[in-house]
C-alpha atoms as a PDB file:
ATOM      1  CA  MET A   1       0.008   0.084   0.194  1.00  0.00           C
ATOM      2  CA  ARG A   2       1.207   3.157  -0.733  1.00  0.00           C
ATOM      3  CA  GLU A   3       1.757   5.948   2.572  1.00  0.00           C
ATOM      4  CA  ALA A   4       0.253   8.412   0.686  1.00  0.00           C
ATOM      5  CA  SER A   5      -3.018   6.691   0.370  1.00  0.00           C
ATOM      6  CA  ALA A   6      -3.143   6.426   4.266  1.00  0.00           C
ATOM      7  CA  ARG A   7      -2.687  10.017   5.423  1.00  0.00           C
ATOM      8  CA  LEU A   8      -5.241  12.883   5.586  1.00  0.00           C
ATOM      9  CA  GLY A   9      -2.356  15.850   4.847  1.00  0.00           C
ATOM     10  CA  GLN A  10      -3.018  17.242   8.797  1.00  0.00           C
ATOM     11  CA  ARG A  11      -0.307  19.253  10.194  1.00  0.00           C
ATOM     12  CA  ASN A  12       0.663  16.939  13.006  1.00  0.00           C
ATOM     13  CA  GLU A  13      -0.535  13.554  11.627  1.00  0.00           C
ATOM     14  CA  VAL A  14       1.373  10.379  12.611  1.00  0.00           C
ATOM     15  CA  ALA A  15       1.336   7.681   9.770  1.00  0.00           C
ATOM     16  CA  ARG A  16       1.907   4.030  11.168  1.00  0.00           C
ATOM     17  CA  ALA A  17       2.041   1.188   9.022  1.00  0.00           C
ATOM     18  CA  LEU A  18      -0.433  -1.873  10.107  1.00  0.00           C
ATOM     19  CA  ASN A  19      -0.339  -5.221   8.744  1.00  0.00           C
ATOM     20  CA  GLU A  20      -3.507  -5.284   8.025  1.00  0.00           C
ATOM     21  CA  ASN A  21      -5.986  -4.599   4.888  1.00  0.00           C
ATOM     22  CA  HIS A  22      -9.039  -2.575   4.545  1.00  0.00           C
ATOM     23  CA  LEU A  23     -11.532  -5.217   5.528  1.00  0.00           C
ATOM     24  CA  SER A  24      -9.579  -6.350   8.624  1.00  0.00           C
ATOM     25  CA  ILE A  25      -9.229  -2.868  10.149  1.00  0.00           C
ATOM     26  CA  CYS A  26     -13.120  -2.404   9.506  1.00  0.00           C
ATOM     27  CA  LYS A  27     -13.880  -4.811  11.393  1.00  0.00           C
ATOM     28  CA  TYR A  28     -10.820  -6.666  14.123  1.00  0.00           C
ATOM     29  CA  LYS A  29     -10.702 -10.379  15.334  1.00  0.00           C
ATOM     30  CA  SER A  30     -10.805  -8.904  19.068  1.00  0.00           C
ATOM     31  CA  GLN A  31      -9.774  -6.398  21.446  1.00  0.00           C
ATOM     32  CA  ASP A  32      -6.419  -7.632  22.186  1.00  0.00           C
ATOM     33  CA  ALA A  33      -5.540  -7.573  18.474  1.00  0.00           C
ATOM     34  CA  ALA A  34      -2.135  -5.386  18.222  1.00  0.00           C
ATOM     35  CA  SER A  35      -3.635  -3.138  15.253  1.00  0.00           C
ATOM     36  CA  TYR A  36      -7.100  -2.552  17.359  1.00  0.00           C
ATOM     37  CA  ARG A  37      -4.907  -1.181  20.167  1.00  0.00           C
ATOM     38  CA  ALA A  38      -2.243   0.509  17.996  1.00  0.00           C
ATOM     39  CA  VAL A  39      -5.189   2.701  16.512  1.00  0.00           C
ATOM     40  CA  VAL A  40      -7.716   2.983  19.565  1.00  0.00           C
ATOM     41  CA  SER A  41      -4.390   4.779  21.700  1.00  0.00           C
ATOM     42  CA  ARG A  42      -3.728   6.890  18.722  1.00  0.00           C
ATOM     43  CA  PHE A  43      -7.541   8.095  19.126  1.00  0.00           C
ATOM     44  CA  GLU A  44      -7.383   8.590  22.711  1.00  0.00           C
ATOM     45  CA  ALA A  45      -4.472  10.477  22.449  1.00  0.00           C
ATOM     46  CA  THR A  46      -5.648  12.799  19.383  1.00  0.00           C
ATOM     47  CA  MET A  47      -8.896  13.254  21.661  1.00  0.00           C
ATOM     48  CA  GLU A  48      -6.571  14.237  24.630  1.00  0.00           C
ATOM     49  CA  GLU A  49      -4.809  16.599  22.341  1.00  0.00           C
ATOM     50  CA  ILE A  50      -8.299  18.119  21.331  1.00  0.00           C
ATOM     51  CA  ARG A  51      -9.355  18.300  25.001  1.00  0.00           C
ATOM     52  CA  ASN A  52      -6.052  19.948  26.147  1.00  0.00           C
ATOM     53  CA  LYS A  53      -6.418  22.378  22.803  1.00  0.00           C
ATOM     54  CA  SER A  54      -9.937  23.595  24.275  1.00  0.00           C
ATOM     55  CA  ARG A  55      -9.053  23.983  27.700  1.00  0.00           C
ATOM     56  CA  ALA A  56      -5.996  26.181  26.367  1.00  0.00           C
ATOM     57  CA  GLU A  57      -8.192  28.075  24.262  1.00  0.00           C
ATOM     58  CA  ALA A  58     -10.652  28.729  27.297  1.00  0.00           C
ATOM     59  CA  VAL A  59      -8.564  29.782  29.240  1.00  0.00           C
ATOM     60  CA  ALA A  60      -6.994  32.166  26.885  1.00  0.00           C
ATOM     61  CA  GLN A  61     -10.342  33.319  25.924  1.00  0.00           C
ATOM     62  CA  SER A  62     -10.848  34.366  29.653  1.00  0.00           C
ATOM     63  CA  LEU A  63      -7.721  35.712  30.376  1.00  0.00           C
ATOM     64  CA  GLN A  64      -8.173  38.214  27.250  1.00  0.00           C
ATOM     65  CA  ALA A  65     -11.915  38.743  28.738  1.00  0.00           C
ATOM     66  CA  VAL A  66     -10.333  39.722  32.229  1.00  0.00           C
ATOM     67  CA  ALA A  67      -7.581  41.843  30.105  1.00  0.00           C
ATOM     68  CA  GLN A  68     -10.090  43.501  28.580  1.00  0.00           C
ATOM     69  CA  VAL A  69     -12.659  44.511  31.233  1.00  0.00           C
ATOM     70  CA  ASN A  70      -9.574  45.712  33.009  1.00  0.00           C
ATOM     71  CA  THR A  71      -8.698  48.150  30.081  1.00  0.00           C
ATOM     72  CA  ASN A  72     -11.654  49.641  29.507  1.00  0.00           C
ATOM     73  CA  ALA A  73     -12.678  50.421  33.059  1.00  0.00           C
ATOM     74  CA  PRO A  74     -10.893  53.252  35.218  1.00  0.00           C
ATOM     75  CA  SER A  75      -8.678  51.392  38.537  1.00  0.00           C
ATOM     76  CA  PRO A  76     -10.301  52.080  41.318  1.00  0.00           C
ATOM     77  CA  SER A  77      -8.378  54.260  43.698  1.00  0.00           C
ATOM     78  CA  LEU A  78      -7.208  52.129  47.060  1.00  0.00           C
ATOM     79  CA  GLU A  79      -9.478  54.657  49.492  1.00  0.00           C
ATOM     80  CA  ASP A  80     -12.582  53.565  46.903  1.00  0.00           C
ATOM     81  CA  ARG A  81     -11.605  50.297  47.256  1.00  0.00           C
ATOM     82  CA  LEU A  82     -11.487  50.502  51.412  1.00  0.00           C
ATOM     83  CA  ALA A  83     -14.277  52.067  51.509  1.00  0.00           C
ATOM     84  CA  SER A  84     -16.550  49.133  49.167  1.00  0.00           C
ATOM     85  CA  LEU A  85     -14.740  46.487  51.973  1.00  0.00           C
ATOM     86  CA  LYS A  86     -16.062  48.283  54.683  1.00  0.00           C
ATOM     87  CA  ASN A  87     -19.361  48.745  53.368  1.00  0.00           C
ATOM     88  CA  LYS A  88     -20.010  44.761  52.894  1.00  0.00           C
END
């Protein structure tokens, strides 16, 4: 099999040869098959990468929103902050 036919063209894509054909890849003999474990392991790693990227993007968006709020609003003086604490 040509390697190019197994690639999706993604930037971080990892292609590995499996000792299988199309039919045996679609329906493995068991969950203990080496090729099955290799594919499942790669899916799990990819999902973890997606989760981590989503978390990082969420944190970045939150930090960006906080930074924008802080730059748009005038910072209260120390006296104003102390007064607001006394009123609580």
